[in-house]
Amino acid sequence: MSRRKHQAYTEEFRKEAVKRSENVLRGFMKIKFLTLMIIIFTNPVIADQWIPPIDEKLEGNLIVAGVSYMDPSPDYKPGSHVLIDIQGDSAQELYKALKVEEKKFNYCPWGENGDCWPRSIKDSGNIICTMHDKKEVNCKLVYDLSDKKFMIPGQFSTGGDI
């Protein structure tokens, strides 16, 4: 085979390869378009059939009170904060969802010589969840109504005007 014939043959082969790759690309684009259309049109159906992970009602308490009852300042506002205390399955889901390190400790309300119970806590700053006996979970959130922001639950006292 002469050099010209070889160049002509390779050029023709290259053109065919380009056509085939263009056809594959067109086919891929059609499949991509069809996939996108299926996602767009079936999304409302999927959303309509979506079941939340928790079927039960939210358990817990919602307390509206002032920030402190001990030595209140002259500008004390009795209904300035909301404490949200979540319990049950909702609290367990929130505990699992918090992406912070779990800290384990022994809770000894009567001192080290008294009875102690194992506890785990996850503290993300504005949300604190405590697990008792590997099943009971309690989560706390505090919202400052006047400043319109969440605050650390430890800064809030639940006594006094409740």
C-alpha atoms as a PDB file:
ATOM      1  CA  MET A   1       0.000   0.000   0.000  1.00  0.00           C
ATOM      2  CA  SER A   2       1.405   3.330  -0.995  1.00  0.00           C
ATOM      3  CA  ARG A   3       1.748   6.227   1.372  1.00  0.00           C
ATOM      4  CA  ARG A   4      -1.079   8.209  -0.310  1.00  0.00           C
ATOM      5  CA  LYS A   5      -3.449   5.302  -0.161  1.00  0.00           C
ATOM      6  CA  HIS A   6      -2.590   4.750   3.485  1.00  0.00           C
ATOM      7  CA  GLN A   7      -3.182   8.456   4.306  1.00  0.00           C
ATOM      8  CA  ALA A   8      -6.500   8.416   2.414  1.00  0.00           C
ATOM      9  CA  TYR A   9      -7.529   5.236   4.208  1.00  0.00           C
ATOM     10  CA  THR A  10      -6.634   6.622   7.655  1.00  0.00           C
ATOM     11  CA  GLU A  11      -8.366   9.929   6.861  1.00  0.00           C
ATOM     12  CA  GLU A  12     -11.524   8.065   5.826  1.00  0.00           C
ATOM     13  CA  PHE A  13     -11.298   5.877   8.949  1.00  0.00           C
ATOM     14  CA  ARG A  14     -10.874   8.988  11.128  1.00  0.00           C
ATOM     15  CA  LYS A  15     -13.947  10.663   9.544  1.00  0.00           C
ATOM     16  CA  GLU A  16     -16.027   7.545  10.213  1.00  0.00           C
ATOM     17  CA  ALA A  17     -14.799   7.430  13.810  1.00  0.00           C
ATOM     18  CA  VAL A  18     -15.743  11.096  14.278  1.00  0.00           C
ATOM     19  CA  LYS A  19     -19.236  10.419  12.835  1.00  0.00           C
ATOM     20  CA  ARG A  20     -19.674   7.430  15.156  1.00  0.00           C
ATOM     21  CA  SER A  21     -18.556   9.415  18.194  1.00  0.00           C
ATOM     22  CA  GLU A  22     -20.903  12.269  17.214  1.00  0.00           C
ATOM     23  CA  ASN A  23     -23.757   9.764  16.952  1.00  0.00           C
ATOM     24  CA  VAL A  24     -22.855   8.314  20.338  1.00  0.00           C
ATOM     25  CA  LEU A  25     -22.744  11.822  21.785  1.00  0.00           C
ATOM     26  CA  ARG A  26     -26.147  12.670  20.285  1.00  0.00           C
ATOM     27  CA  GLY A  27     -27.555   9.454  21.726  1.00  0.00           C
ATOM     28  CA  PHE A  28     -26.046  10.263  25.088  1.00  0.00           C
ATOM     29  CA  MET A  29     -27.557  13.756  24.996  1.00  0.00           C
ATOM     30  CA  LYS A  30     -30.971  12.272  24.155  1.00  0.00           C
ATOM     31  CA  ILE A  31     -30.699   9.863  27.080  1.00  0.00           C
ATOM     32  CA  LYS A  32     -29.574  12.692  29.348  1.00  0.00           C
ATOM     33  CA  PHE A  33     -32.524  14.822  28.213  1.00  0.00           C
ATOM     34  CA  LEU A  34     -34.985  11.953  28.736  1.00  0.00           C
ATOM     35  CA  THR A  35     -33.551  11.251  32.183  1.00  0.00           C
ATOM     36  CA  LEU A  36     -33.903  14.909  33.105  1.00  0.00           C
ATOM     37  CA  MET A  37     -37.528  14.953  31.878  1.00  0.00           C
ATOM     38  CA  ILE A  38     -38.331  11.813  33.875  1.00  0.00           C
ATOM     39  CA  ILE A  39     -36.848  13.387  37.009  1.00  0.00           C
ATOM     40  CA  ILE A  40     -38.736  16.648  36.485  1.00  0.00           C
ATOM     41  CA  PHE A  41     -42.094  15.020  35.816  1.00  0.00           C
ATOM     42  CA  THR A  42     -41.889  12.280  38.456  1.00  0.00           C
ATOM     43  CA  ASN A  43     -40.560  14.523  41.221  1.00  0.00           C
ATOM     44  CA  PRO A  44     -44.033  15.819  42.234  1.00  0.00           C
ATOM     45  CA  VAL A  45     -45.283  12.224  42.367  1.00  0.00           C
ATOM     46  CA  ILE A  46     -42.348  11.197  44.551  1.00  0.00           C
ATOM     47  CA  ALA A  47     -42.806  14.256  46.777  1.00  0.00           C
ATOM     48  CA  ASP A  48     -46.500  13.459  47.119  1.00  0.00           C
ATOM     49  CA  GLN A  49     -45.701   9.907  48.238  1.00  0.00           C
ATOM     50  CA  TRP A  50     -42.848  10.918  50.556  1.00  0.00           C
ATOM     51  CA  ILE A  51     -43.395   9.836  54.129  1.00  0.00           C
ATOM     52  CA  PRO A  52     -41.464  11.654  56.854  1.00  0.00           C
ATOM     53  CA  PRO A  53     -39.213   9.438  58.997  1.00  0.00           C
ATOM     54  CA  ILE A  54     -41.374  10.179  62.041  1.00  0.00           C
ATOM     55  CA  ASP A  55     -45.117   9.587  61.759  1.00  0.00           C
ATOM     56  CA  GLU A  56     -45.870  10.562  65.325  1.00  0.00           C
ATOM     57  CA  LYS A  57     -46.561  14.009  66.671  1.00  0.00           C
ATOM     58  CA  LEU A  58     -43.715  16.069  68.051  1.00  0.00           C
ATOM     59  CA  GLU A  59     -43.288  15.444  71.784  1.00  0.00           C
ATOM     60  CA  GLY A  60     -41.910  17.899  74.280  1.00  0.00           C
ATOM     61  CA  ASN A  61     -42.498  21.308  75.809  1.00  0.00           C
ATOM     62  CA  LEU A  62     -42.450  24.892  74.655  1.00  0.00           C
ATOM     63  CA  ILE A  63     -41.862  27.425  77.420  1.00  0.00           C
ATOM     64  CA  VAL A  64     -42.029  31.200  77.004  1.00  0.00           C
ATOM     65  CA  ALA A  65     -40.268  33.035  79.821  1.00  0.00           C
ATOM     66  CA  GLY A  66     -37.686  35.646  80.697  1.00  0.00           C
ATOM     67  CA  VAL A  67     -33.989  34.899  80.471  1.00  0.00           C
ATOM     68  CA  SER A  68     -33.476  34.816  84.257  1.00  0.00           C
ATOM     69  CA  TYR A  69     -35.472  34.896  87.460  1.00  0.00           C
ATOM     70  CA  MET A  70     -32.523  35.336  89.815  1.00  0.00           C
ATOM     71  CA  ASP A  71     -31.823  39.014  90.500  1.00  0.00           C
ATOM     72  CA  PRO A  72     -33.569  40.326  87.375  1.00  0.00           C
ATOM     73  CA  SER A  73     -32.316  43.611  85.978  1.00  0.00           C
ATOM     74  CA  PRO A  74     -34.617  46.674  85.737  1.00  0.00           C
ATOM     75  CA  ASP A  75     -35.133  46.061  82.012  1.00  0.00           C
ATOM     76  CA  TYR A  76     -36.212  42.439  82.633  1.00  0.00           C
ATOM     77  CA  LYS A  77     -38.718  41.206  80.032  1.00  0.00           C
ATOM     78  CA  PRO A  78     -40.842  38.263  81.269  1.00  0.00           C
ATOM     79  CA  GLY A  79     -41.697  36.834  77.820  1.00  0.00           C
ATOM     80  CA  SER A  80     -38.448  37.397  75.954  1.00  0.00           C
ATOM     81  CA  HIS A  81     -37.256  33.814  75.361  1.00  0.00           C
ATOM     82  CA  VAL A  82     -38.609  30.483  74.169  1.00  0.00           C
ATOM     83  CA  LEU A  83     -37.264  27.138  75.385  1.00  0.00           C
ATOM     84  CA  ILE A  84     -38.075  24.226  73.072  1.00  0.00           C
ATOM     85  CA  ASP A  85     -37.633  20.860  74.760  1.00  0.00           C
ATOM     86  CA  ILE A  86     -37.947  17.951  72.291  1.00  0.00           C
ATOM     87  CA  GLN A  87     -38.439  14.340  73.432  1.00  0.00           C
ATOM     88  CA  GLY A  88     -39.230  10.926  71.948  1.00  0.00           C
ATOM     89  CA  ASP A  89     -38.609   9.817  68.350  1.00  0.00           C
ATOM     90  CA  SER A  90     -38.112  13.399  67.145  1.00  0.00           C
ATOM     91  CA  ALA A  91     -35.332  13.923  69.681  1.00  0.00           C
ATOM     92  CA  GLN A  92     -33.677  10.651  68.645  1.00  0.00           C
ATOM     93  CA  GLU A  93     -33.725  11.736  64.982  1.00  0.00           C
ATOM     94  CA  LEU A  94     -32.235  15.106  65.923  1.00  0.00           C
ATOM     95  CA  TYR A  95     -29.583  13.368  68.080  1.00  0.00           C
ATOM     96  CA  LYS A  96     -28.572  11.165  65.140  1.00  0.00           C
ATOM     97  CA  ALA A  97     -28.573  14.140  62.740  1.00  0.00           C
ATOM     98  CA  LEU A  98     -26.206  16.294  64.828  1.00  0.00           C
ATOM     99  CA  LYS A  99     -22.769  16.067  63.230  1.00  0.00           C
ATOM    100  CA  VAL A 100     -20.764  16.646  66.393  1.00  0.00           C
ATOM    101  CA  GLU A 101     -18.774  14.356  68.663  1.00  0.00           C
ATOM    102  CA  GLU A 102     -20.725  12.333  71.210  1.00  0.00           C
ATOM    103  CA  LYS A 103     -19.399  12.815  74.749  1.00  0.00           C
ATOM    104  CA  LYS A 104     -20.056  10.082  77.319  1.00  0.00           C
ATOM    105  CA  PHE A 105     -20.103  10.675  81.065  1.00  0.00           C
ATOM    106  CA  ASN A 106     -21.646   9.400  84.300  1.00  0.00           C
ATOM    107  CA  TYR A 107     -24.447  11.476  85.767  1.00  0.00           C
ATOM    108  CA  CYS A 108     -24.157  11.404  89.561  1.00  0.00           C
ATOM    109  CA  PRO A 109     -26.784  13.722  91.085  1.00  0.00           C
ATOM    110  CA  TRP A 110     -25.886  12.706  94.674  1.00  0.00           C
ATOM    111  CA  GLY A 111     -22.129  12.923  94.282  1.00  0.00           C
ATOM    112  CA  GLU A 112     -19.568  10.293  93.364  1.00  0.00           C
ATOM    113  CA  ASN A 113     -20.553   8.032  96.291  1.00  0.00           C
ATOM    114  CA  GLY A 114     -24.217   7.951  95.242  1.00  0.00           C
ATOM    115  CA  ASP A 115     -25.923   6.283  92.321  1.00  0.00           C
ATOM    116  CA  CYS A 116     -24.596   7.167  88.864  1.00  0.00           C
ATOM    117  CA  TRP A 117     -26.125   6.665  85.421  1.00  0.00           C
ATOM    118  CA  PRO A 118     -24.373   6.623  82.046  1.00  0.00           C
ATOM    119  CA  ARG A 119     -25.273   9.499  79.744  1.00  0.00           C
ATOM    120  CA  SER A 120     -24.205  10.726  76.334  1.00  0.00           C
ATOM    121  CA  ILE A 121     -24.405  14.283  75.125  1.00  0.00           C
ATOM    122  CA  LYS A 122     -24.125  16.010  71.756  1.00  0.00           C
ATOM    123  CA  ASP A 123     -23.611  19.760  71.953  1.00  0.00           C
ATOM    124  CA  SER A 124     -23.635  21.781  68.743  1.00  0.00           C
ATOM    125  CA  GLY A 125     -23.659  25.117  70.534  1.00  0.00           C
ATOM    126  CA  ASN A 126     -27.297  26.134  70.106  1.00  0.00           C
ATOM    127  CA  ILE A 127     -28.723  22.605  70.321  1.00  0.00           C
ATOM    128  CA  ILE A 128     -27.938  20.264  73.204  1.00  0.00           C
ATOM    129  CA  CYS A 129     -29.159  16.654  73.140  1.00  0.00           C
ATOM    130  CA  THR A 130     -28.741  14.227  76.029  1.00  0.00           C
ATOM    131  CA  MET A 131     -29.209  10.443  75.753  1.00  0.00           C
ATOM    132  CA  HIS A 132     -30.134   8.377  78.828  1.00  0.00           C
ATOM    133  CA  ASP A 133     -29.857   4.577  78.852  1.00  0.00           C
ATOM    134  CA  LYS A 134     -29.176   4.444  75.072  1.00  0.00           C
ATOM    135  CA  LYS A 135     -32.851   5.074  74.288  1.00  0.00           C
ATOM    136  CA  GLU A 136     -34.322   8.155  75.956  1.00  0.00           C
ATOM    137  CA  VAL A 137     -33.213  11.368  74.256  1.00  0.00           C
ATOM    138  CA  ASN A 138     -33.955  14.949  75.246  1.00  0.00           C
ATOM    139  CA  CYS A 139     -32.957  17.974  73.101  1.00  0.00           C
ATOM    140  CA  LYS A 140     -33.089  21.649  74.047  1.00  0.00           C
ATOM    141  CA  LEU A 141     -33.109  24.777  71.886  1.00  0.00           C
ATOM    142  CA  VAL A 142     -33.500  28.358  73.130  1.00  0.00           C
ATOM    143  CA  TYR A 143     -34.628  31.259  70.963  1.00  0.00           C
ATOM    144  CA  ASP A 144     -34.297  34.903  71.998  1.00  0.00           C
ATOM    145  CA  LEU A 145     -37.478  36.639  70.784  1.00  0.00           C
ATOM    146  CA  SER A 146     -36.118  40.175  71.186  1.00  0.00           C
ATOM    147  CA  ASP A 147     -32.753  39.581  69.430  1.00  0.00           C
ATOM    148  CA  LYS A 148     -34.272  37.087  66.952  1.00  0.00           C
ATOM    149  CA  LYS A 149     -31.526  34.508  67.302  1.00  0.00           C
ATOM    150  CA  PHE A 150     -30.858  31.145  68.897  1.00  0.00           C
ATOM    151  CA  MET A 151     -28.774  31.078  72.042  1.00  0.00           C
ATOM    152  CA  ILE A 152     -26.967  28.466  74.106  1.00  0.00           C
ATOM    153  CA  PRO A 153     -29.520  26.553  76.244  1.00  0.00           C
ATOM    154  CA  GLY A 154     -27.265  26.761  79.318  1.00  0.00           C
ATOM    155  CA  GLN A 155     -27.748  30.553  79.371  1.00  0.00           C
ATOM    156  CA  PHE A 156     -31.478  30.116  79.921  1.00  0.00           C
ATOM    157  CA  SER A 157     -33.182  29.431  83.233  1.00  0.00           C
ATOM    158  CA  THR A 158     -36.574  27.679  83.307  1.00  0.00           C
ATOM    159  CA  GLY A 159     -37.661  28.940  86.708  1.00  0.00           C
ATOM    160  CA  GLY A 160     -39.305  32.085  87.999  1.00  0.00           C
ATOM    161  CA  ASP A 161     -42.116  33.345  85.787  1.00  0.00           C
ATOM    162  CA  ILE A 162     -43.064  29.980  84.295  1.00  0.00           C
END
